[in-house]
Amino acid sequence: MTTKYKPPRLRNLKPDKRKGRKKRYLLIPLFLVLLLGAGVLLMLRWRAWFGNPPEAPYHTPEEITRVTLTPGSDFTTERTLSWRSGEYLVPSALTLQEITARGDTLAARRIPALGRLVKSRSGKGCFYHVSLDSLHVGSRYLYQLQSGEQRSPVYSFAMPSERECDTTRFVYLGDVQDPQAQMSTTFFRELRERLADSIQFLALAGDQIEGPTDHYWQCWYQALQGWSTRLPIIAAPGNHEYLKRGFARELDVRWVPQTNYPLNGPKGFLQRSYYIDFPLMRFIVLDTTDIMWLGSINSHKSWLRRALSSSRQPWQVVLFHHAVDCVREGRKNIIMHHIFKDELLTYGADLVLQGHDHGYARATTRDERGDTIAPAFVISSASPKVYRNGFSSVHDRLGSGLQLYQDITVTKTQIHYTSYRFQPDSIPRDSLLDRSKLLYDELILRRGRDGAIHVEDKARTLPELFLYEGFGADSKGQKKAAQYAKEVKERRERRKK
């Protein structure tokens, strides 16, 4: 007689079930604690993350102010002049007179201006602009602006000479962001003293101002001290030029009417993302603050590919605000790093100029053999606000607590990149013209006979400076300072090897 098989009872299942239930029950209060913590953090940081600086009520004077010279899509033949005057649209015009390269003065001509009433949160103002084309190489132009009964002084600008078409020199600045405009006023004065008329334009990587208010724009134009009337400005919008609308962003309504950049950008970003053609380079500008959603990402990807691949110039320089490899401690821009970095590498960018992190970093690219090639990625800052840097190995050169400007010269065969410190208090003023004492970084991007672009690092003997000191005097701050000093020491030891 056979006995029917009975499987053994798995008595240990019940305790496991009880343990599983117990874990789930424990997760519920943990989730609630995390949710409560996130809510408290959101309440504490709401103003910083989603709020805007208040804009005091303002009145726009009738006089002509905020005159801004910008290039058209062709740097050698096109300019746009923009200005502000009054709170009601009136007939406006620009009177232009050419002085040729031979010294002949031609008859003046009057060109009507386009006007636009712009309303911000706390006031309004009328902005006007005139776009000029068919300008002549080597000519100098005198101009006067008129809005109603108001007339500006007579200003001037010069178009590049034939020699300057073979060599382009410009200054690039990271964030200038200076709430009181004291440091930036000094910096722009220093740039005029050092470089005079030797540069052809000024490139700005965003965050020109502290916040989107009329007061901060007034500070910006005061710091420029009239430079914007004669020196073309090429700028990218930064996040501090944006109003925060919850999780969304909105570019300050004054930004486009003050600059009137070319209309060759992606749909929805006209005059915010654009490019300018020089004889030797295509200069591409991206508005990275508002590249957040799938539509803007895809439209910028396809536009950037076309802008890079359709260029016929020897060089491609790209300017934007948010870095692909951040240098600020704890910061990472996922979209720029994981999406747009590959686009820049694949489609032929040579030099990428960035801001946002209020520190200095330079990263180069290496081929399969380990040779240093283009593109070179740079982050810089000229702001009195400084942040703690990280120590990612992707960066060949770092710095913190610095205010810098970059003097860049482009020829057919090379880009010579130099970064200089603005005059620190530790260096006597009588050495102002000895820029070798202020040199912080130097690169040469050189095109070889095979067409490959190799990068020569000429700053290996220059010390890296880590001057950030914003840790606080409490025990927590001292602990952070000690850790930072340890990381700096390790960085310097690695560089010696």
Protein backbone atom coordinates (compact mmCIF):
# COMPACT_ATOMS: atom_id res chain seq x y z
CA MET A 1 0.00 0.00 0.00
CA THR A 2 1.46 3.30 -1.05
CA THR A 3 1.16 6.54 0.88
CA LYS A 4 0.09 9.68 -0.99
CA TYR A 5 2.91 12.24 -1.14
CA LYS A 6 2.32 15.39 0.79
CA PRO A 7 4.66 18.33 0.13
CA PRO A 8 6.23 19.86 3.24
CA ARG A 9 4.57 22.98 4.59
CA LEU A 10 6.64 26.07 3.99
CA ARG A 11 6.26 27.53 7.42
CA ASN A 12 8.83 30.28 6.81
CA LEU A 13 6.68 32.02 4.22
CA LYS A 14 4.46 33.68 6.75
CA PRO A 15 7.27 35.44 8.64
CA ASP A 16 8.72 36.61 5.30
CA LYS A 17 5.36 37.99 4.35
CA ARG A 18 5.15 39.74 7.67
CA LYS A 19 8.65 41.17 7.14
CA GLY A 20 7.69 42.38 3.67
CA ARG A 21 4.60 44.06 5.04
CA LYS A 22 6.62 45.57 7.86
CA LYS A 23 9.13 47.03 5.35
CA ARG A 24 6.31 48.49 3.30
CA TYR A 25 4.79 50.01 6.40
CA LEU A 26 8.17 51.53 7.29
CA LEU A 27 8.52 53.00 3.79
CA ILE A 28 5.30 54.95 4.15
CA PRO A 29 6.46 57.21 7.00
CA LEU A 30 9.88 57.52 5.33
CA PHE A 31 8.19 58.68 2.13
CA LEU A 32 6.06 61.15 4.12
CA VAL A 33 9.16 62.51 5.87
CA LEU A 34 10.92 62.96 2.51
CA LEU A 35 7.81 64.61 1.05
CA LEU A 36 7.58 66.94 4.05
CA GLY A 37 11.29 67.76 3.76
CA ALA A 38 10.94 68.51 0.06
CA GLY A 39 7.97 70.75 0.83
CA VAL A 40 9.90 72.64 3.51
CA LEU A 41 12.90 73.02 1.19
CA LEU A 42 10.61 74.26 -1.58
CA MET A 43 9.09 76.84 0.79
CA LEU A 44 12.51 78.02 1.94
CA ARG A 45 13.99 78.18 -1.58
CA TRP A 46 10.89 79.22 -3.52
CA ARG A 47 11.96 82.83 -3.81
CA ALA A 48 15.49 81.92 -4.92
CA TRP A 49 14.40 79.23 -7.37
CA PHE A 50 11.15 80.66 -8.69
CA GLY A 51 10.98 84.29 -7.58
CA ASN A 52 12.10 87.48 -9.30
CA PRO A 53 13.78 90.61 -7.96
CA PRO A 54 11.12 93.32 -7.59
CA GLU A 55 11.12 95.99 -10.25
CA ALA A 56 10.62 99.51 -8.93
CA PRO A 57 8.30 101.76 -10.96
CA TYR A 58 10.26 103.76 -13.52
CA HIS A 59 9.73 106.47 -16.09
CA THR A 60 11.51 106.41 -19.46
CA PRO A 61 12.97 109.85 -20.26
CA GLU A 62 12.48 111.48 -23.64
CA GLU A 63 16.22 111.72 -24.24
CA ILE A 64 17.86 109.08 -26.43
CA THR A 65 19.65 106.49 -24.27
CA ARG A 66 20.86 102.89 -24.32
CA VAL A 67 22.33 103.12 -27.79
CA THR A 68 23.51 99.65 -28.83
CA LEU A 69 25.52 98.65 -31.90
CA THR A 70 25.14 95.03 -33.02
CA PRO A 71 26.19 93.12 -36.16
CA GLY A 72 23.86 91.75 -38.80
CA SER A 73 24.24 88.22 -40.12
CA ASP A 74 27.23 89.39 -42.22
CA PHE A 75 29.78 91.09 -39.99
CA THR A 76 31.66 92.76 -42.84
CA THR A 77 28.67 94.60 -44.35
CA GLU A 78 25.81 94.83 -41.80
CA ARG A 79 25.14 96.70 -38.55
CA THR A 80 22.04 97.45 -36.48
CA LEU A 81 21.64 100.45 -34.19
CA SER A 82 19.05 100.33 -31.40
CA TRP A 83 18.03 102.94 -28.82
CA ARG A 84 15.37 103.91 -26.29
CA SER A 85 13.43 107.17 -26.04
CA GLY A 86 10.23 108.16 -24.24
CA GLU A 87 6.99 106.34 -23.57
CA TYR A 88 5.05 107.16 -26.74
CA LEU A 89 6.04 106.19 -30.26
CA VAL A 90 7.15 109.12 -32.40
CA PRO A 91 8.71 109.39 -35.88
CA SER A 92 12.36 108.38 -35.53
CA ALA A 93 15.32 108.08 -37.85
CA LEU A 94 19.08 107.66 -38.17
CA THR A 95 21.25 110.07 -40.14
CA LEU A 96 24.31 108.30 -41.58
CA GLN A 97 27.41 109.73 -43.22
CA GLU A 98 30.23 107.65 -44.66
CA ILE A 99 33.92 108.52 -44.56
CA THR A 100 35.58 106.17 -47.03
CA ALA A 101 38.85 104.33 -46.57
CA ARG A 102 40.44 107.02 -48.84
CA GLY A 103 39.17 109.79 -46.57
CA ASP A 104 36.33 111.04 -48.77
CA THR A 105 33.24 112.27 -46.89
CA LEU A 106 30.03 111.33 -48.65
CA ALA A 107 26.66 113.04 -48.39
CA ALA A 108 24.58 112.17 -45.33
CA ARG A 109 21.39 110.15 -45.75
CA ARG A 110 18.38 109.80 -43.46
CA ILE A 111 16.96 106.33 -42.75
CA PRO A 112 13.59 105.87 -40.97
CA ALA A 113 13.60 103.75 -37.81
CA LEU A 114 11.23 101.01 -36.71
CA GLY A 115 9.70 101.58 -33.28
CA ARG A 116 8.17 99.35 -30.63
CA LEU A 117 6.48 100.13 -27.31
CA VAL A 118 7.70 97.71 -24.65
CA LYS A 119 5.82 97.23 -21.38
CA SER A 120 7.58 95.55 -18.47
CA ARG A 121 6.30 94.76 -14.96
CA SER A 122 6.71 98.33 -13.69
CA GLY A 123 6.98 100.70 -16.61
CA LYS A 124 7.19 101.15 -20.34
CA GLY A 125 9.54 102.56 -22.95
CA CYS A 126 9.84 102.94 -26.70
CA PHE A 127 12.66 101.15 -28.48
CA TYR A 128 13.78 101.95 -32.02
CA HIS A 129 16.21 100.40 -34.44
CA VAL A 130 17.69 100.80 -37.90
CA SER A 131 19.33 97.92 -39.76
CA LEU A 132 22.13 98.89 -42.16
CA ASP A 133 23.45 96.74 -44.99
CA SER A 134 25.86 97.17 -47.92
CA LEU A 135 28.35 98.94 -45.64
CA HIS A 136 31.86 99.17 -47.03
CA VAL A 137 35.03 97.49 -45.84
CA GLY A 138 37.41 99.99 -44.24
CA SER A 139 34.89 102.86 -44.10
CA ARG A 140 34.09 104.88 -41.00
CA TYR A 141 30.53 106.03 -40.38
CA LEU A 142 29.20 109.00 -38.45
CA TYR A 143 25.62 108.74 -37.23
CA GLN A 144 23.03 110.67 -35.26
CA LEU A 145 19.76 109.33 -33.88
CA GLN A 146 16.48 111.21 -33.78
CA SER A 147 13.20 110.46 -31.99
CA GLY A 148 10.63 113.24 -32.26
CA GLU A 149 12.37 116.42 -31.13
CA GLN A 150 15.18 114.52 -29.42
CA ARG A 151 18.60 114.15 -31.03
CA SER A 152 21.60 112.18 -29.87
CA PRO A 153 25.22 113.31 -30.04
CA VAL A 154 27.06 112.35 -33.22
CA TYR A 155 28.55 108.89 -32.76
CA SER A 156 30.78 106.80 -35.01
CA PHE A 157 31.74 103.24 -35.81
CA ALA A 158 34.22 101.69 -38.22
CA MET A 159 33.87 98.67 -40.48
CA PRO A 160 36.75 96.16 -40.60
CA SER A 161 39.55 97.02 -42.98
CA GLU A 162 40.85 94.51 -45.52
CA ARG A 163 43.65 93.60 -43.11
CA GLU A 164 41.13 93.10 -40.28
CA CYS A 165 39.12 90.76 -42.51
CA ASP A 166 42.19 88.51 -42.56
CA THR A 167 42.56 88.70 -38.76
CA THR A 168 39.64 88.94 -36.34
CA ARG A 169 40.31 89.95 -32.75
CA PHE A 170 37.70 90.13 -30.02
CA VAL A 171 37.17 89.98 -26.26
CA TYR A 172 34.95 87.37 -24.63
CA LEU A 173 33.55 87.78 -21.12
CA GLY A 174 31.70 85.24 -19.01
CA ASP A 175 29.14 86.54 -16.52
CA VAL A 176 29.57 90.25 -15.75
CA GLN A 177 26.67 90.17 -13.26
CA ASP A 178 27.51 93.09 -10.96
CA PRO A 179 24.57 94.43 -8.89
CA GLN A 180 26.17 97.79 -8.14
CA ALA A 181 28.12 98.09 -11.42
CA GLN A 182 31.19 99.31 -9.52
CA MET A 183 33.58 96.50 -10.43
CA SER A 184 32.28 96.20 -14.00
CA THR A 185 32.67 99.95 -14.55
CA THR A 186 36.33 99.64 -13.58
CA PHE A 187 36.77 96.56 -15.77
CA PHE A 188 35.39 98.20 -18.90
CA ARG A 189 37.65 101.19 -18.28
CA GLU A 190 40.62 98.82 -18.03
CA LEU A 191 39.66 97.11 -21.29
CA ARG A 192 39.63 100.45 -23.08
CA GLU A 193 43.02 101.36 -21.63
CA ARG A 194 44.58 98.03 -22.57
CA LEU A 195 42.98 97.26 -25.92
CA ALA A 196 41.80 100.63 -27.24
CA ASP A 197 40.68 100.15 -30.85
CA SER A 198 42.42 96.81 -31.43
CA ILE A 199 39.36 94.59 -30.96
CA GLN A 200 36.47 94.30 -33.41
CA PHE A 201 33.67 93.23 -31.07
CA LEU A 202 32.74 92.19 -27.54
CA ALA A 203 31.27 88.70 -26.91
CA LEU A 204 29.18 88.14 -23.76
CA ALA A 205 28.17 84.71 -22.45
CA GLY A 206 25.02 85.86 -20.63
CA ASP A 207 24.12 87.23 -17.19
CA GLN A 208 25.15 90.74 -18.07
CA ILE A 209 22.85 91.97 -15.29
CA GLU A 210 21.75 90.93 -11.80
CA GLY A 211 18.07 90.63 -12.72
CA PRO A 212 15.49 91.68 -15.34
CA THR A 213 14.69 95.17 -14.03
CA ASP A 214 15.09 98.60 -15.52
CA HIS A 215 17.46 99.56 -12.71
CA TYR A 216 19.89 96.76 -13.52
CA TRP A 217 19.80 97.57 -17.24
CA GLN A 218 20.61 101.16 -16.32
CA CYS A 219 23.59 99.91 -14.30
CA TRP A 220 24.74 97.85 -17.28
CA TYR A 221 24.76 100.74 -19.73
CA GLN A 222 26.48 103.00 -17.20
CA ALA A 223 29.23 100.38 -16.77
CA LEU A 224 29.75 100.22 -20.54
CA GLN A 225 30.38 103.99 -20.48
CA GLY A 226 29.35 104.51 -24.07
CA TRP A 227 31.29 101.61 -25.54
CA SER A 228 28.07 100.19 -26.97
CA THR A 229 27.73 103.16 -29.37
CA ARG A 230 30.84 102.22 -31.39
CA LEU A 231 31.84 98.63 -30.56
CA PRO A 232 29.57 95.82 -31.82
CA ILE A 233 28.25 93.57 -29.06
CA ILE A 234 27.43 89.89 -29.57
CA ALA A 235 25.60 88.47 -26.55
CA ALA A 236 23.85 85.31 -25.41
CA PRO A 237 20.95 85.57 -22.96
CA GLY A 238 21.65 84.20 -19.50
CA ASN A 239 19.26 83.03 -16.80
CA HIS A 240 19.53 86.42 -15.03
CA GLU A 241 18.04 88.07 -18.11
CA TYR A 242 14.98 85.87 -17.59
CA LEU A 243 11.86 86.25 -15.47
CA LYS A 244 10.89 83.14 -13.52
CA ARG A 245 7.33 81.94 -14.10
CA GLY A 246 7.14 78.97 -11.73
CA PHE A 247 8.93 76.15 -13.55
CA ALA A 248 8.92 78.14 -16.79
CA ARG A 249 11.12 81.07 -17.87
CA GLU A 250 10.42 84.20 -19.89
CA LEU A 251 13.13 86.38 -21.44
CA ASP A 252 12.98 89.99 -20.29
CA VAL A 253 10.89 91.97 -22.80
CA ARG A 254 13.69 94.53 -23.21
CA TRP A 255 16.36 92.07 -24.35
CA VAL A 256 15.39 91.65 -28.00
CA PRO A 257 14.47 95.34 -28.68
CA GLN A 258 17.80 96.44 -27.19
CA THR A 259 19.85 94.18 -29.46
CA ASN A 260 17.86 93.20 -32.59
CA TYR A 261 20.12 90.32 -33.57
CA PRO A 262 19.78 88.43 -36.89
CA LEU A 263 16.57 86.53 -37.69
CA ASN A 264 18.33 83.27 -38.65
CA GLY A 265 17.68 81.25 -35.47
CA PRO A 266 15.30 78.35 -34.79
CA LYS A 267 11.57 78.97 -34.69
CA GLY A 268 10.49 80.41 -31.34
CA PHE A 269 14.01 81.68 -30.60
CA LEU A 270 14.46 84.37 -33.26
CA GLN A 271 17.04 87.02 -32.24
CA ARG A 272 17.87 84.93 -29.15
CA SER A 273 19.69 82.07 -30.90
CA TYR A 274 21.43 83.20 -34.09
CA TYR A 275 24.70 83.18 -35.99
CA ILE A 276 26.97 85.80 -37.56
CA ASP A 277 29.30 85.12 -40.47
CA PHE A 278 32.83 86.53 -40.53
CA PRO A 279 35.35 85.91 -43.33
CA LEU A 280 37.25 83.50 -41.06
CA MET A 281 34.59 82.06 -38.75
CA ARG A 282 30.92 81.43 -38.17
CA PHE A 283 30.00 82.74 -34.72
CA ILE A 284 26.99 80.82 -33.33
CA VAL A 285 24.99 81.93 -30.28
CA LEU A 286 22.51 79.76 -28.35
CA ASP A 287 19.91 80.82 -25.79
CA THR A 288 20.39 77.85 -23.46
CA THR A 289 18.20 79.12 -20.60
CA ASP A 290 14.99 78.23 -22.40
CA ILE A 291 16.16 74.93 -23.93
CA MET A 292 14.27 72.79 -21.43
CA TRP A 293 11.46 70.97 -23.21
CA LEU A 294 11.48 68.41 -26.01
CA GLY A 295 10.35 70.89 -28.70
CA SER A 296 13.07 73.46 -27.96
CA ILE A 297 15.71 70.73 -27.61
CA ASN A 298 14.90 69.16 -30.99
CA SER A 299 14.60 72.49 -32.82
CA HIS A 300 17.96 73.64 -31.46
CA LYS A 301 19.65 70.32 -32.25
CA SER A 302 18.65 70.40 -35.91
CA TRP A 303 19.40 74.14 -36.20
CA LEU A 304 22.83 73.79 -34.58
CA ARG A 305 23.71 70.90 -36.87
CA ARG A 306 22.81 72.94 -39.94
CA ALA A 307 24.62 76.04 -38.66
CA LEU A 308 27.83 74.06 -38.04
CA SER A 309 27.77 71.79 -41.08
CA SER A 310 26.76 74.47 -43.62
CA SER A 311 29.54 76.86 -42.63
CA ARG A 312 32.25 77.40 -45.24
CA GLN A 313 34.58 79.38 -42.99
CA PRO A 314 37.77 77.86 -41.54
CA TRP A 315 36.52 78.12 -37.93
CA GLN A 316 33.34 77.63 -35.91
CA VAL A 317 33.03 79.46 -32.57
CA VAL A 318 30.00 78.83 -30.36
CA LEU A 319 28.83 81.02 -27.45
CA PHE A 320 26.21 80.19 -24.80
CA HIS A 321 25.52 80.52 -21.10
CA HIS A 322 25.15 77.06 -19.49
CA ALA A 323 28.29 74.92 -19.68
CA VAL A 324 28.39 71.36 -21.06
CA ASP A 325 30.78 70.36 -18.24
CA CYS A 326 30.14 72.58 -15.25
CA VAL A 327 32.97 73.78 -13.03
CA ARG A 328 30.85 74.95 -10.10
CA GLU A 329 30.83 72.39 -7.28
CA GLY A 330 27.72 70.19 -7.35
CA ARG A 331 26.26 71.62 -10.58
CA LYS A 332 25.41 69.73 -13.77
CA ASN A 333 23.31 70.72 -16.76
CA ILE A 334 21.94 67.41 -18.03
CA ILE A 335 20.64 68.75 -21.36
CA MET A 336 23.82 70.57 -22.31
CA HIS A 337 26.07 67.70 -21.18
CA HIS A 338 24.19 64.70 -22.57
CA ILE A 339 22.68 66.22 -25.72
CA PHE A 340 24.49 69.30 -26.97
CA LYS A 341 28.05 68.32 -26.13
CA ASP A 342 27.86 65.48 -28.64
CA GLU A 343 26.42 67.83 -31.27
CA LEU A 344 29.35 70.21 -30.82
CA LEU A 345 31.88 67.38 -31.01
CA THR A 346 30.29 65.71 -34.02
CA TYR A 347 29.51 68.68 -36.24
CA GLY A 348 32.73 70.64 -36.05
CA ALA A 349 32.75 73.27 -33.30
CA ASP A 350 36.30 74.50 -32.67
CA LEU A 351 36.01 76.86 -29.69
CA VAL A 352 33.09 76.88 -27.23
CA LEU A 353 32.70 79.90 -24.93
CA GLN A 354 30.50 79.53 -21.81
CA GLY A 355 29.49 81.22 -18.55
CA HIS A 356 27.09 80.67 -15.62
CA ASP A 357 29.46 78.98 -13.12
CA HIS A 358 31.35 82.07 -11.86
CA GLY A 359 34.66 80.25 -12.01
CA TYR A 360 37.25 79.35 -14.64
CA ALA A 361 37.71 76.07 -16.47
CA ARG A 362 39.16 74.94 -19.76
CA ALA A 363 38.69 71.49 -21.26
CA THR A 364 40.12 70.14 -24.49
CA THR A 365 39.25 67.08 -26.57
CA ARG A 366 41.50 64.10 -27.28
CA ASP A 367 41.50 61.76 -30.26
CA GLU A 368 42.05 58.00 -30.22
CA ARG A 369 45.83 58.47 -30.09
CA GLY A 370 45.57 60.85 -27.14
CA ASP A 371 46.43 63.97 -29.13
CA THR A 372 44.75 67.19 -27.99
CA ILE A 373 42.32 68.39 -30.65
CA ALA A 374 39.39 70.77 -31.07
CA PRO A 375 36.96 71.69 -29.74
CA ALA A 376 38.26 73.53 -26.70
CA PHE A 377 35.60 74.33 -24.07
CA VAL A 378 36.04 77.39 -21.85
CA ILE A 379 34.08 78.71 -18.85
CA SER A 380 34.93 82.17 -17.54
CA SER A 381 33.58 84.95 -15.33
CA ALA A 382 34.11 88.67 -14.77
CA SER A 383 31.62 88.96 -11.90
CA PRO A 384 32.29 90.03 -8.31
CA LYS A 385 30.21 86.98 -7.36
CA VAL A 386 32.43 83.90 -7.15
CA TYR A 387 31.56 80.24 -6.50
CA ARG A 388 33.43 77.21 -5.29
CA ASN A 389 34.81 75.12 -8.15
CA GLY A 390 34.81 71.37 -8.49
CA PHE A 391 37.83 69.29 -9.52
CA SER A 392 36.58 67.15 -12.40
CA SER A 393 39.37 65.53 -14.41
CA VAL A 394 37.64 66.65 -17.63
CA HIS A 395 39.08 70.14 -17.07
CA ASP A 396 42.72 70.71 -18.01
CA ARG A 397 42.86 74.05 -16.20
CA LEU A 398 40.85 75.51 -13.31
CA GLY A 399 40.57 78.66 -11.24
CA SER A 400 38.28 80.28 -8.68
CA GLY A 401 37.78 83.68 -7.09
CA LEU A 402 38.99 85.35 -10.30
CA GLN A 403 37.70 88.06 -12.63
CA LEU A 404 38.94 87.44 -16.17
CA TYR A 405 38.66 88.56 -19.75
CA GLN A 406 39.67 86.59 -22.84
CA ASP A 407 41.57 88.17 -25.74
CA ILE A 408 41.09 85.99 -28.84
CA THR A 409 42.67 86.38 -32.28
CA VAL A 410 41.50 84.37 -35.29
CA THR A 411 43.50 83.92 -38.50
CA LYS A 412 43.06 81.51 -41.38
CA THR A 413 45.39 78.92 -39.85
CA GLN A 414 44.96 79.36 -36.08
CA ILE A 415 43.00 80.67 -33.12
CA HIS A 416 45.17 82.24 -30.44
CA TYR A 417 43.26 82.20 -27.14
CA THR A 418 44.50 84.08 -24.07
CA SER A 419 42.83 84.69 -20.72
CA TYR A 420 43.91 87.59 -18.48
CA ARG A 421 43.07 88.67 -14.97
CA PHE A 422 41.59 92.07 -14.50
CA GLN A 423 43.91 94.26 -12.45
CA PRO A 424 43.96 92.72 -8.93
CA ASP A 425 44.91 94.88 -5.96
CA SER A 426 48.03 92.75 -5.41
CA ILE A 427 49.62 93.99 -8.65
CA PRO A 428 50.72 97.65 -8.80
CA ARG A 429 48.82 99.90 -11.19
CA ASP A 430 52.04 100.99 -12.92
CA SER A 431 52.31 97.49 -14.40
CA LEU A 432 48.96 97.83 -16.13
CA LEU A 433 50.42 97.58 -19.59
CA ASP A 434 52.61 94.57 -18.72
CA ARG A 435 49.96 91.99 -19.47
CA SER A 436 52.36 89.08 -19.03
CA LYS A 437 51.92 89.42 -15.25
CA LEU A 438 48.16 89.08 -15.67
CA LEU A 439 48.14 86.13 -18.10
CA TYR A 440 46.14 83.19 -16.73
CA ASP A 441 45.67 80.83 -19.66
CA GLU A 442 46.87 80.47 -23.24
CA LEU A 443 45.98 78.09 -26.05
CA ILE A 444 46.68 77.88 -29.76
CA LEU A 445 44.30 75.95 -31.99
CA ARG A 446 46.27 75.24 -35.15
CA ARG A 447 45.07 73.63 -38.36
CA GLY A 448 47.51 71.07 -39.73
CA ARG A 449 48.19 70.18 -43.36
CA ASP A 450 45.89 67.18 -42.97
CA GLY A 451 43.04 69.49 -41.95
CA ALA A 452 43.02 68.27 -38.34
CA ILE A 453 42.99 70.93 -35.65
CA HIS A 454 45.48 70.39 -32.85
CA VAL A 455 45.53 72.33 -29.60
CA GLU A 456 48.75 73.54 -28.01
CA ASP A 457 48.55 74.24 -24.27
CA LYS A 458 50.94 77.13 -23.57
CA ALA A 459 49.87 77.61 -19.93
CA ARG A 460 51.35 74.51 -18.34
CA THR A 461 53.92 76.50 -16.40
CA LEU A 462 51.37 79.06 -15.16
CA PRO A 463 50.08 78.34 -11.63
CA GLU A 464 46.40 77.68 -11.08
CA LEU A 465 44.81 80.12 -8.62
CA PHE A 466 42.11 79.05 -6.17
CA LEU A 467 41.05 82.22 -4.37
CA TYR A 468 37.53 81.26 -3.34
CA GLU A 469 37.01 81.96 0.40
CA GLY A 470 33.24 82.04 0.88
CA PHE A 471 33.00 79.22 3.41
CA GLY A 472 31.83 81.07 6.53
CA ALA A 473 33.44 81.28 9.94
CA ASP A 474 31.38 78.61 11.74
CA SER A 475 32.51 75.01 12.23
CA LYS A 476 30.65 73.84 9.15
CA GLY A 477 32.34 76.50 7.05
CA GLN A 478 35.75 75.65 8.47
CA LYS A 479 35.20 71.99 7.65
CA LYS A 480 34.32 72.89 4.05
CA ALA A 481 37.38 75.15 3.82
CA ALA A 482 39.65 72.32 5.06
CA GLN A 483 38.19 69.91 2.52
CA TYR A 484 38.63 72.47 -0.26
CA ALA A 485 42.26 73.08 0.74
CA LYS A 486 42.83 69.31 0.66
CA GLU A 487 41.37 69.06 -2.85
CA VAL A 488 43.49 71.99 -4.04
CA LYS A 489 46.63 70.34 -2.66
CA GLU A 490 45.79 67.02 -4.35
CA ARG A 491 45.12 68.85 -7.62
CA ARG A 492 48.52 70.56 -7.50
CA GLU A 493 50.29 67.29 -6.70
CA ARG A 494 48.66 65.59 -9.69
CA ARG A 495 49.71 68.41 -11.99
CA LYS A 496 53.35 68.03 -10.93
CA LYS A 497 53.43 64.42 -12.12
